[in-house]
Amino acid sequence: MVAVCQPDRPRGRGRRLEPSPVARLAQGRAIPLLRPERVGDPEVLRELRAFAPDLGVVVAFGQFLPRQVRELPRLGYLINGHASLLPRWRGAAPIARAILAGDARTGICVMRVEREMDAGPVALHAELVIGPDEDAGSLSLRLSQLCADAVARVVDAIAEGRIHWTEQDHAAATFAPKLEAGEARLDWREPAQALARRVRAFAPSPGAWTSQGGERLRILAARAEPGPVSDAPGTLRRTAPSSDVQQRSVLRIATGAGWLVPTRVQRAGGRPMDLDAFLRGNPLPDGQVLGEPASLSS
């Protein structure tokens, strides 16, 4: 057995080089470990062949796998655990894209790796419901647990000679490109429901954001609230706390349709805070408009 991971990358606020979780696990269990910049380089291929693997398992590796790598194992292929119900959401960001699109369900697929991204035949899929308030972080955790179990089951089926592959419906494919930094910026002209999904899709990191007083304000959790809006998009409205659960909003933001109610926020350089605690030290005046004019037109 050999583990192949990305090289150590800068992580955390200090941007110190840190190994990936898989690399940490391999090191802790004395599993041989390769961390190539390019997995298809000739010297890496030589090292892989020396281990004479029967099968390769790929999950969120993040590099293109050339044919020499895909066909290197004795069985002639690799399998991949992917966090979507293929052929929906092929690509780098299936979890966030599912949330952004308002999908009610998602899941995982274990497929054979082929040249075309996430297009190989599927051996097993498993579904789950996306919670109404679930963000990308919590959904990723649930999907990772589902995927680990599914990959183990597929490996057992391969070893026992009872594996069955089902071709995808390529005409039904949708794509989940990598998230771009600009997508995390909140455009207050959008409906509140869409903005709430954007907050969830980017939480807990990097966090959806807007500008307030010339500084970046991250909104890490929020809900959409229906109701008529006469204020300009991005306008803050403060209301007195109420004992009525449905009317306890102390801060609402006008949107293109309805109101966005933040519940967890983070100022640049600060720590994430529940809204009540944040407002005690960071007063946001009633009637202030969030977002620079340029952000609404870009």
C-alpha atoms as a PDB file:
ATOM      1  CA  MET A   1       0.000   0.000   0.000  1.00  0.00           C
ATOM      2  CA  VAL A   2       1.112   3.546  -0.752  1.00  0.00           C
ATOM      3  CA  ALA A   3      -0.618   6.888  -0.160  1.00  0.00           C
ATOM      4  CA  VAL A   4      -0.268   9.635  -2.766  1.00  0.00           C
ATOM      5  CA  CYS A   5      -1.141  13.184  -1.645  1.00  0.00           C
ATOM      6  CA  GLN A   6      -0.636  16.768  -2.681  1.00  0.00           C
ATOM      7  CA  PRO A   7       2.578  18.351  -1.351  1.00  0.00           C
ATOM      8  CA  ASP A   8       2.420  20.225   1.940  1.00  0.00           C
ATOM      9  CA  ARG A   9       0.591  23.534   1.473  1.00  0.00           C
ATOM     10  CA  PRO A  10       0.419  26.799   3.469  1.00  0.00           C
ATOM     11  CA  ARG A  11      -2.502  26.594   5.889  1.00  0.00           C
ATOM     12  CA  GLY A  12      -4.059  28.646   8.657  1.00  0.00           C
ATOM     13  CA  ARG A  13      -3.500  32.280   9.565  1.00  0.00           C
ATOM     14  CA  GLY A  14       0.255  31.788   9.836  1.00  0.00           C
ATOM     15  CA  ARG A  15       0.344  30.223   6.332  1.00  0.00           C
ATOM     16  CA  ARG A  16       2.793  27.598   7.553  1.00  0.00           C
ATOM     17  CA  LEU A  17       3.399  24.509   5.437  1.00  0.00           C
ATOM     18  CA  GLU A  18       1.176  21.714   6.723  1.00  0.00           C
ATOM     19  CA  PRO A  19       0.546  18.178   5.442  1.00  0.00           C
ATOM     20  CA  SER A  20      -2.889  17.151   4.235  1.00  0.00           C
ATOM     21  CA  PRO A  21      -5.058  15.020   6.570  1.00  0.00           C
ATOM     22  CA  VAL A  22      -4.312  11.928   4.475  1.00  0.00           C
ATOM     23  CA  ALA A  23      -0.577  12.613   4.676  1.00  0.00           C
ATOM     24  CA  ARG A  24      -0.837  12.961   8.460  1.00  0.00           C
ATOM     25  CA  LEU A  25      -2.671   9.658   8.691  1.00  0.00           C
ATOM     26  CA  ALA A  26      -0.150   7.880   6.472  1.00  0.00           C
ATOM     27  CA  GLN A  27       2.748   9.232   8.515  1.00  0.00           C
ATOM     28  CA  GLY A  28       1.097   8.182  11.777  1.00  0.00           C
ATOM     29  CA  ARG A  29       0.594   4.627  10.530  1.00  0.00           C
ATOM     30  CA  ALA A  30       3.955   4.246   8.776  1.00  0.00           C
ATOM     31  CA  ILE A  31       2.288   3.934   5.350  1.00  0.00           C
ATOM     32  CA  PRO A  32       4.633   4.783   2.449  1.00  0.00           C
ATOM     33  CA  LEU A  33       3.822   8.300   1.252  1.00  0.00           C
ATOM     34  CA  LEU A  34       4.384  10.174  -2.019  1.00  0.00           C
ATOM     35  CA  ARG A  35       3.667  13.910  -2.312  1.00  0.00           C
ATOM     36  CA  PRO A  36       4.426  14.839  -5.923  1.00  0.00           C
ATOM     37  CA  GLU A  37       3.796  18.200  -7.554  1.00  0.00           C
ATOM     38  CA  ARG A  38       2.896  16.250 -10.718  1.00  0.00           C
ATOM     39  CA  VAL A  39       1.758  12.667 -10.289  1.00  0.00           C
ATOM     40  CA  GLY A  40       2.455  11.900 -13.967  1.00  0.00           C
ATOM     41  CA  ASP A  41       6.186  12.720 -13.834  1.00  0.00           C
ATOM     42  CA  PRO A  42       8.400   9.770 -14.907  1.00  0.00           C
ATOM     43  CA  GLU A  43      10.121   9.424 -11.524  1.00  0.00           C
ATOM     44  CA  VAL A  44       6.750   9.310  -9.759  1.00  0.00           C
ATOM     45  CA  LEU A  45       5.506   6.646 -12.155  1.00  0.00           C
ATOM     46  CA  ARG A  46       8.603   4.566 -11.452  1.00  0.00           C
ATOM     47  CA  GLU A  47       7.985   4.788  -7.717  1.00  0.00           C
ATOM     48  CA  LEU A  48       4.337   3.824  -8.133  1.00  0.00           C
ATOM     49  CA  ARG A  49       5.156   0.823 -10.298  1.00  0.00           C
ATOM     50  CA  ALA A  50       7.637  -0.372  -7.676  1.00  0.00           C
ATOM     51  CA  PHE A  51       4.737  -0.809  -5.234  1.00  0.00           C
ATOM     52  CA  ALA A  52       2.895  -3.061  -7.768  1.00  0.00           C
ATOM     53  CA  PRO A  53      -0.596  -1.877  -6.724  1.00  0.00           C
ATOM     54  CA  ASP A  54      -3.661  -3.960  -7.550  1.00  0.00           C
ATOM     55  CA  LEU A  55      -6.050  -0.989  -7.508  1.00  0.00           C
ATOM     56  CA  GLY A  56      -5.968   2.768  -7.017  1.00  0.00           C
ATOM     57  CA  VAL A  57      -8.525   4.764  -5.004  1.00  0.00           C
ATOM     58  CA  VAL A  58      -8.866   8.515  -5.669  1.00  0.00           C
ATOM     59  CA  VAL A  59     -10.791  11.031  -3.555  1.00  0.00           C
ATOM     60  CA  ALA A  60     -10.453  14.829  -3.991  1.00  0.00           C
ATOM     61  CA  PHE A  61      -6.893  14.528  -5.300  1.00  0.00           C
ATOM     62  CA  GLY A  62      -6.894  17.738  -7.308  1.00  0.00           C
ATOM     63  CA  GLN A  63      -4.510  16.779 -10.118  1.00  0.00           C
ATOM     64  CA  PHE A  64      -5.110  15.512 -13.625  1.00  0.00           C
ATOM     65  CA  LEU A  65      -4.378  11.790 -13.790  1.00  0.00           C
ATOM     66  CA  PRO A  66      -2.724  10.802 -17.088  1.00  0.00           C
ATOM     67  CA  ARG A  67      -3.387   7.484 -18.747  1.00  0.00           C
ATOM     68  CA  GLN A  68      -0.138   5.973 -17.404  1.00  0.00           C
ATOM     69  CA  VAL A  69      -1.434   6.547 -13.880  1.00  0.00           C
ATOM     70  CA  ARG A  70      -5.036   5.509 -14.574  1.00  0.00           C
ATOM     71  CA  GLU A  71      -3.968   2.166 -16.033  1.00  0.00           C
ATOM     72  CA  LEU A  72      -1.002   1.495 -13.761  1.00  0.00           C
ATOM     73  CA  PRO A  73      -2.668  -0.877 -11.218  1.00  0.00           C
ATOM     74  CA  ARG A  74      -2.796  -4.593 -11.971  1.00  0.00           C
ATOM     75  CA  LEU A  75      -6.566  -4.379 -12.542  1.00  0.00           C
ATOM     76  CA  GLY A  76      -5.992  -1.601 -15.069  1.00  0.00           C
ATOM     77  CA  TYR A  77      -8.030   1.169 -13.497  1.00  0.00           C
ATOM     78  CA  LEU A  78      -8.588   3.531 -10.570  1.00  0.00           C
ATOM     79  CA  ILE A  79     -11.828   4.185  -8.719  1.00  0.00           C
ATOM     80  CA  ASN A  80     -12.979   7.578  -7.466  1.00  0.00           C
ATOM     81  CA  GLY A  81     -15.386   8.715  -4.762  1.00  0.00           C
ATOM     82  CA  HIS A  82     -17.203  11.844  -5.945  1.00  0.00           C
ATOM     83  CA  ALA A  83     -19.561  14.015  -3.870  1.00  0.00           C
ATOM     84  CA  SER A  84     -22.567  14.239  -6.168  1.00  0.00           C
ATOM     85  CA  LEU A  85     -25.188  12.103  -7.838  1.00  0.00           C
ATOM     86  CA  LEU A  86     -23.540  11.772 -11.223  1.00  0.00           C
ATOM     87  CA  PRO A  87     -23.979  12.839 -13.945  1.00  0.00           C
ATOM     88  CA  ARG A  88     -25.153  15.924 -12.015  1.00  0.00           C
ATOM     89  CA  TRP A  89     -22.339  18.180 -10.814  1.00  0.00           C
ATOM     90  CA  ARG A  90     -19.227  16.812 -12.428  1.00  0.00           C
ATOM     91  CA  GLY A  91     -16.238  18.889 -11.420  1.00  0.00           C
ATOM     92  CA  ALA A  92     -14.323  20.503  -8.591  1.00  0.00           C
ATOM     93  CA  ALA A  93     -17.090  22.029  -6.434  1.00  0.00           C
ATOM     94  CA  PRO A  94     -20.119  19.706  -6.436  1.00  0.00           C
ATOM     95  CA  ILE A  95     -21.137  20.365  -2.813  1.00  0.00           C
ATOM     96  CA  ALA A  96     -21.240  24.148  -3.066  1.00  0.00           C
ATOM     97  CA  ARG A  97     -22.888  24.026  -6.502  1.00  0.00           C
ATOM     98  CA  ALA A  98     -25.654  21.759  -5.211  1.00  0.00           C
ATOM     99  CA  ILE A  99     -26.384  24.201  -2.378  1.00  0.00           C
ATOM    100  CA  LEU A 100     -26.256  27.239  -4.689  1.00  0.00           C
ATOM    101  CA  ALA A 101     -28.714  25.569  -7.063  1.00  0.00           C
ATOM    102  CA  GLY A 102     -31.145  24.776  -4.244  1.00  0.00           C
ATOM    103  CA  ASP A 103     -30.929  21.014  -4.745  1.00  0.00           C
ATOM    104  CA  ALA A 104     -33.015  19.081  -2.218  1.00  0.00           C
ATOM    105  CA  ARG A 105     -30.848  15.963  -2.421  1.00  0.00           C
ATOM    106  CA  THR A 106     -27.266  15.048  -3.176  1.00  0.00           C
ATOM    107  CA  GLY A 107     -25.028  12.075  -2.482  1.00  0.00           C
ATOM    108  CA  ILE A 108     -21.903  10.275  -3.580  1.00  0.00           C
ATOM    109  CA  CYS A 109     -20.894   8.056  -6.470  1.00  0.00           C
ATOM    110  CA  VAL A 110     -18.028   5.603  -6.724  1.00  0.00           C
ATOM    111  CA  MET A 111     -16.939   5.438 -10.347  1.00  0.00           C
ATOM    112  CA  ARG A 112     -14.093   4.323 -12.552  1.00  0.00           C
ATOM    113  CA  VAL A 113     -11.638   7.085 -13.423  1.00  0.00           C
ATOM    114  CA  GLU A 114     -11.465   7.955 -17.122  1.00  0.00           C
ATOM    115  CA  ARG A 115      -9.916  10.780 -19.107  1.00  0.00           C
ATOM    116  CA  GLU A 116     -13.083  12.875 -19.156  1.00  0.00           C
ATOM    117  CA  MET A 117     -13.629  14.418 -15.747  1.00  0.00           C
ATOM    118  CA  ASP A 118     -16.056  12.476 -13.536  1.00  0.00           C
ATOM    119  CA  ALA A 119     -17.527  10.711 -16.560  1.00  0.00           C
ATOM    120  CA  GLY A 120     -16.629   7.083 -15.816  1.00  0.00           C
ATOM    121  CA  PRO A 121     -19.134   4.272 -15.211  1.00  0.00           C
ATOM    122  CA  VAL A 122     -20.564   4.101 -11.694  1.00  0.00           C
ATOM    123  CA  ALA A 123     -20.434   1.088  -9.378  1.00  0.00           C
ATOM    124  CA  LEU A 124     -22.377   2.480  -6.433  1.00  0.00           C
ATOM    125  CA  HIS A 125     -24.267   5.605  -5.428  1.00  0.00           C
ATOM    126  CA  ALA A 126     -25.831   6.721  -2.152  1.00  0.00           C
ATOM    127  CA  GLU A 127     -28.198   9.633  -1.570  1.00  0.00           C
ATOM    128  CA  LEU A 128     -28.951  11.993   1.289  1.00  0.00           C
ATOM    129  CA  VAL A 129     -31.218  14.971   1.875  1.00  0.00           C
ATOM    130  CA  ILE A 130     -29.655  18.431   2.089  1.00  0.00           C
ATOM    131  CA  GLY A 131     -30.908  20.078   5.281  1.00  0.00           C
ATOM    132  CA  PRO A 132     -32.711  23.419   4.862  1.00  0.00           C
ATOM    133  CA  ASP A 133     -30.036  25.248   6.898  1.00  0.00           C
ATOM    134  CA  GLU A 134     -27.070  22.998   6.058  1.00  0.00           C
ATOM    135  CA  ASP A 135     -23.875  24.668   4.936  1.00  0.00           C
ATOM    136  CA  ALA A 136     -21.033  23.313   2.828  1.00  0.00           C
ATOM    137  CA  GLY A 137     -18.981  22.394   5.891  1.00  0.00           C
ATOM    138  CA  SER A 138     -21.573  20.181   7.551  1.00  0.00           C
ATOM    139  CA  LEU A 139     -22.687  18.678   4.239  1.00  0.00           C
ATOM    140  CA  SER A 140     -19.061  17.884   3.330  1.00  0.00           C
ATOM    141  CA  LEU A 141     -18.634  16.010   6.601  1.00  0.00           C
ATOM    142  CA  ARG A 142     -21.737  13.906   6.059  1.00  0.00           C
ATOM    143  CA  LEU A 143     -20.785  13.163   2.464  1.00  0.00           C
ATOM    144  CA  SER A 144     -17.226  12.195   3.440  1.00  0.00           C
ATOM    145  CA  GLN A 145     -18.577   9.620   5.885  1.00  0.00           C
ATOM    146  CA  LEU A 146     -20.976   8.284   3.276  1.00  0.00           C
ATOM    147  CA  CYS A 147     -18.183   8.159   0.686  1.00  0.00           C
ATOM    148  CA  ALA A 148     -15.735   6.300   2.933  1.00  0.00           C
ATOM    149  CA  ASP A 149     -18.248   3.526   3.522  1.00  0.00           C
ATOM    150  CA  ALA A 150     -19.181   3.342  -0.172  1.00  0.00           C
ATOM    151  CA  VAL A 151     -15.564   3.146  -1.370  1.00  0.00           C
ATOM    152  CA  ALA A 152     -14.870   0.317   1.093  1.00  0.00           C
ATOM    153  CA  ARG A 153     -17.908  -1.578  -0.194  1.00  0.00           C
ATOM    154  CA  VAL A 154     -16.805  -1.163  -3.801  1.00  0.00           C
ATOM    155  CA  VAL A 155     -13.266  -2.340  -3.019  1.00  0.00           C
ATOM    156  CA  ASP A 156     -14.734  -5.460  -1.382  1.00  0.00           C
ATOM    157  CA  ALA A 157     -16.960  -6.064  -4.421  1.00  0.00           C
ATOM    158  CA  ILE A 158     -13.981  -5.751  -6.762  1.00  0.00           C
ATOM    159  CA  ALA A 159     -11.932  -8.159  -4.648  1.00  0.00           C
ATOM    160  CA  GLU A 160     -14.787 -10.685  -4.663  1.00  0.00           C
ATOM    161  CA  GLY A 161     -15.377 -10.394  -8.412  1.00  0.00           C
ATOM    162  CA  ARG A 162     -18.973  -9.165  -8.135  1.00  0.00           C
ATOM    163  CA  ILE A 163     -18.547  -5.566  -9.284  1.00  0.00           C
ATOM    164  CA  HIS A 164     -21.014  -4.121 -11.817  1.00  0.00           C
ATOM    165  CA  TRP A 165     -20.493  -0.839 -13.694  1.00  0.00           C
ATOM    166  CA  THR A 166     -23.300   1.362 -15.034  1.00  0.00           C
ATOM    167  CA  GLU A 167     -22.590   3.963 -17.714  1.00  0.00           C
ATOM    168  CA  GLN A 168     -23.657   7.522 -16.972  1.00  0.00           C
ATOM    169  CA  ASP A 169     -26.200   9.410 -19.040  1.00  0.00           C
ATOM    170  CA  HIS A 170     -23.724  11.856 -20.542  1.00  0.00           C
ATOM    171  CA  ALA A 171     -26.477  13.976 -22.110  1.00  0.00           C
ATOM    172  CA  ALA A 172     -27.792  14.777 -18.631  1.00  0.00           C
ATOM    173  CA  ALA A 173     -24.433  15.962 -17.257  1.00  0.00           C
ATOM    174  CA  THR A 174     -24.141  19.269 -15.411  1.00  0.00           C
ATOM    175  CA  PHE A 175     -20.874  20.789 -14.283  1.00  0.00           C
ATOM    176  CA  ALA A 176     -19.516  22.173 -11.011  1.00  0.00           C
ATOM    177  CA  PRO A 177     -16.537  24.402 -11.804  1.00  0.00           C
ATOM    178  CA  LYS A 178     -14.143  25.528  -9.100  1.00  0.00           C
ATOM    179  CA  LEU A 179     -15.504  28.359  -6.979  1.00  0.00           C
ATOM    180  CA  GLU A 180     -14.105  31.762  -7.875  1.00  0.00           C
ATOM    181  CA  ALA A 181     -13.318  34.358  -5.209  1.00  0.00           C
ATOM    182  CA  GLY A 182     -15.794  36.846  -6.655  1.00  0.00           C
ATOM    183  CA  GLU A 183     -18.679  34.397  -6.230  1.00  0.00           C
ATOM    184  CA  ALA A 184     -18.510  34.805  -2.449  1.00  0.00           C
ATOM    185  CA  ARG A 185     -19.482  38.474  -2.681  1.00  0.00           C
ATOM    186  CA  LEU A 186     -23.151  39.092  -1.904  1.00  0.00           C
ATOM    187  CA  ASP A 187     -25.123  41.051  -4.499  1.00  0.00           C
ATOM    188  CA  TRP A 188     -28.045  42.482  -2.557  1.00  0.00           C
ATOM    189  CA  ARG A 189     -30.154  42.773  -5.691  1.00  0.00           C
ATOM    190  CA  GLU A 190     -30.581  38.978  -5.631  1.00  0.00           C
ATOM    191  CA  PRO A 191     -33.561  37.444  -3.787  1.00  0.00           C
ATOM    192  CA  ALA A 192     -33.055  36.609  -0.123  1.00  0.00           C
ATOM    193  CA  GLN A 193     -33.473  32.890  -0.788  1.00  0.00           C
ATOM    194  CA  ALA A 194     -30.595  32.914  -3.287  1.00  0.00           C
ATOM    195  CA  LEU A 195     -28.418  34.954  -0.923  1.00  0.00           C
ATOM    196  CA  ALA A 196     -29.083  32.546   1.948  1.00  0.00           C
ATOM    197  CA  ARG A 197     -27.985  29.667  -0.286  1.00  0.00           C
ATOM    198  CA  ARG A 198     -24.833  31.609  -1.214  1.00  0.00           C
ATOM    199  CA  VAL A 199     -24.031  32.101   2.467  1.00  0.00           C
ATOM    200  CA  ARG A 200     -24.451  28.373   3.105  1.00  0.00           C
ATOM    201  CA  ALA A 201     -22.420  27.389   0.034  1.00  0.00           C
ATOM    202  CA  PHE A 202     -19.403  29.411   1.213  1.00  0.00           C
ATOM    203  CA  ALA A 203     -19.601  28.565   4.918  1.00  0.00           C
ATOM    204  CA  PRO A 204     -17.624  28.075   6.996  1.00  0.00           C
ATOM    205  CA  SER A 205     -14.764  29.055   4.663  1.00  0.00           C
ATOM    206  CA  PRO A 206     -14.033  31.336   2.885  1.00  0.00           C
ATOM    207  CA  GLY A 207     -17.360  32.866   3.862  1.00  0.00           C
ATOM    208  CA  ALA A 208     -19.770  34.951   1.812  1.00  0.00           C
ATOM    209  CA  TRP A 209     -19.081  38.646   2.282  1.00  0.00           C
ATOM    210  CA  THR A 210     -20.132  42.207   1.759  1.00  0.00           C
ATOM    211  CA  SER A 211     -18.499  45.534   2.620  1.00  0.00           C
ATOM    212  CA  GLN A 212     -19.466  47.665   5.605  1.00  0.00           C
ATOM    213  CA  GLY A 213     -17.753  50.931   6.429  1.00  0.00           C
ATOM    214  CA  GLY A 214     -15.005  50.191   3.918  1.00  0.00           C
ATOM    215  CA  GLU A 215     -14.191  46.817   5.524  1.00  0.00           C
ATOM    216  CA  ARG A 216     -15.111  43.276   4.578  1.00  0.00           C
ATOM    217  CA  LEU A 217     -17.904  41.725   6.635  1.00  0.00           C
ATOM    218  CA  ARG A 218     -18.342  37.973   6.302  1.00  0.00           C
ATOM    219  CA  ILE A 219     -21.795  36.493   6.763  1.00  0.00           C
ATOM    220  CA  LEU A 220     -21.335  32.883   7.843  1.00  0.00           C
ATOM    221  CA  ALA A 221     -24.943  31.927   8.605  1.00  0.00           C
ATOM    222  CA  ALA A 222     -28.224  33.542   7.630  1.00  0.00           C
ATOM    223  CA  ARG A 223     -31.808  32.804   6.796  1.00  0.00           C
ATOM    224  CA  ALA A 224     -34.211  34.275   4.275  1.00  0.00           C
ATOM    225  CA  GLU A 225     -37.279  36.067   5.578  1.00  0.00           C
ATOM    226  CA  PRO A 226     -40.210  36.861   3.290  1.00  0.00           C
ATOM    227  CA  GLY A 227     -41.959  40.201   3.281  1.00  0.00           C
ATOM    228  CA  PRO A 228     -42.300  43.430   1.330  1.00  0.00           C
ATOM    229  CA  VAL A 229     -39.145  45.501   0.858  1.00  0.00           C
ATOM    230  CA  SER A 230     -39.258  49.216   0.140  1.00  0.00           C
ATOM    231  CA  ASP A 231     -35.608  49.935   1.017  1.00  0.00           C
ATOM    232  CA  ALA A 232     -32.725  49.864  -1.439  1.00  0.00           C
ATOM    233  CA  PRO A 233     -30.965  46.475  -1.651  1.00  0.00           C
ATOM    234  CA  GLY A 234     -28.320  46.186   1.062  1.00  0.00           C
ATOM    235  CA  THR A 235     -30.079  48.500   3.537  1.00  0.00           C
ATOM    236  CA  LEU A 236     -29.767  47.464   7.189  1.00  0.00           C
ATOM    237  CA  ARG A 237     -32.860  47.598   9.348  1.00  0.00           C
ATOM    238  CA  ARG A 238     -32.694  47.202  13.125  1.00  0.00           C
ATOM    239  CA  THR A 239     -35.736  46.033  15.087  1.00  0.00           C
ATOM    240  CA  ALA A 240     -36.270  45.616  18.797  1.00  0.00           C
ATOM    241  CA  PRO A 241     -35.960  42.026  20.060  1.00  0.00           C
ATOM    242  CA  SER A 242     -39.281  40.274  20.549  1.00  0.00           C
ATOM    243  CA  SER A 243     -40.412  37.185  22.429  1.00  0.00           C
ATOM    244  CA  ASP A 244     -42.117  35.998  19.248  1.00  0.00           C
ATOM    245  CA  VAL A 245     -39.774  33.457  17.643  1.00  0.00           C
ATOM    246  CA  GLN A 246     -40.823  34.603  14.186  1.00  0.00           C
ATOM    247  CA  GLN A 247     -40.171  38.275  15.050  1.00  0.00           C
ATOM    248  CA  ARG A 248     -36.905  38.047  16.982  1.00  0.00           C
ATOM    249  CA  SER A 249     -34.791  39.449  14.162  1.00  0.00           C
ATOM    250  CA  VAL A 250     -32.669  42.285  15.513  1.00  0.00           C
ATOM    251  CA  LEU A 251     -31.086  42.960  12.127  1.00  0.00           C
ATOM    252  CA  ARG A 252     -32.389  42.441   8.614  1.00  0.00           C
ATOM    253  CA  ILE A 253     -30.884  43.338   5.238  1.00  0.00           C
ATOM    254  CA  ALA A 254     -33.041  44.387   2.296  1.00  0.00           C
ATOM    255  CA  THR A 255     -32.615  42.293  -0.850  1.00  0.00           C
ATOM    256  CA  GLY A 256     -34.144  42.120  -4.290  1.00  0.00           C
ATOM    257  CA  ALA A 257     -36.986  40.034  -2.837  1.00  0.00           C
ATOM    258  CA  GLY A 258     -37.426  39.613   0.901  1.00  0.00           C
ATOM    259  CA  TRP A 259     -34.927  40.080   3.721  1.00  0.00           C
ATOM    260  CA  LEU A 260     -31.707  38.329   4.666  1.00  0.00           C
ATOM    261  CA  VAL A 261     -31.330  37.784   8.413  1.00  0.00           C
ATOM    262  CA  PRO A 262     -27.691  37.149   9.419  1.00  0.00           C
ATOM    263  CA  THR A 263     -27.154  34.942  12.468  1.00  0.00           C
ATOM    264  CA  ARG A 264     -23.360  34.541  12.458  1.00  0.00           C
ATOM    265  CA  VAL A 265     -20.846  37.075  11.132  1.00  0.00           C
ATOM    266  CA  GLN A 266     -17.145  37.909  11.133  1.00  0.00           C
ATOM    267  CA  ARG A 267     -15.378  41.217  10.716  1.00  0.00           C
ATOM    268  CA  ALA A 268     -12.020  41.258   8.894  1.00  0.00           C
ATOM    269  CA  GLY A 269      -9.317  40.217  11.350  1.00  0.00           C
ATOM    270  CA  GLY A 270     -11.886  39.135  13.944  1.00  0.00           C
ATOM    271  CA  ARG A 271     -13.337  35.836  14.976  1.00  0.00           C
ATOM    272  CA  PRO A 272     -16.705  34.406  13.941  1.00  0.00           C
ATOM    273  CA  MET A 273     -19.467  35.529  16.313  1.00  0.00           C
ATOM    274  CA  ASP A 274     -23.184  34.997  16.750  1.00  0.00           C
ATOM    275  CA  LEU A 275     -24.994  38.145  15.668  1.00  0.00           C
ATOM    276  CA  ASP A 276     -26.138  39.237  19.156  1.00  0.00           C
ATOM    277  CA  ALA A 277     -22.574  39.093  20.490  1.00  0.00           C
ATOM    278  CA  PHE A 278     -21.237  40.854  17.402  1.00  0.00           C
ATOM    279  CA  LEU A 279     -23.679  43.740  17.685  1.00  0.00           C
ATOM    280  CA  ARG A 280     -22.708  44.403  21.296  1.00  0.00           C
ATOM    281  CA  GLY A 281     -19.223  45.409  20.180  1.00  0.00           C
ATOM    282  CA  ASN A 282     -19.898  46.423  16.587  1.00  0.00           C
ATOM    283  CA  PRO A 283     -22.973  48.624  16.310  1.00  0.00           C
ATOM    284  CA  LEU A 284     -24.458  48.641  12.832  1.00  0.00           C
ATOM    285  CA  PRO A 285     -26.683  51.700  12.387  1.00  0.00           C
ATOM    286  CA  ASP A 286     -30.221  51.412  11.134  1.00  0.00           C
ATOM    287  CA  GLY A 287     -30.473  52.531   7.511  1.00  0.00           C
ATOM    288  CA  GLN A 288     -26.836  51.924   6.573  1.00  0.00           C
ATOM    289  CA  VAL A 289     -26.349  50.389   3.116  1.00  0.00           C
ATOM    290  CA  LEU A 290     -23.956  47.485   2.790  1.00  0.00           C
ATOM    291  CA  GLY A 291     -21.820  46.913  -0.266  1.00  0.00           C
ATOM    292  CA  GLU A 292     -19.796  49.310  -2.349  1.00  0.00           C
ATOM    293  CA  PRO A 293     -21.556  50.638  -5.466  1.00  0.00           C
ATOM    294  CA  ALA A 294     -18.997  48.859  -7.638  1.00  0.00           C
ATOM    295  CA  SER A 295     -19.887  45.518  -6.093  1.00  0.00           C
ATOM    296  CA  LEU A 296     -23.472  45.860  -7.294  1.00  0.00           C
ATOM    297  CA  SER A 297     -22.531  46.410 -10.897  1.00  0.00           C
ATOM    298  CA  SER A 298     -19.670  43.940 -11.352  1.00  0.00           C
END
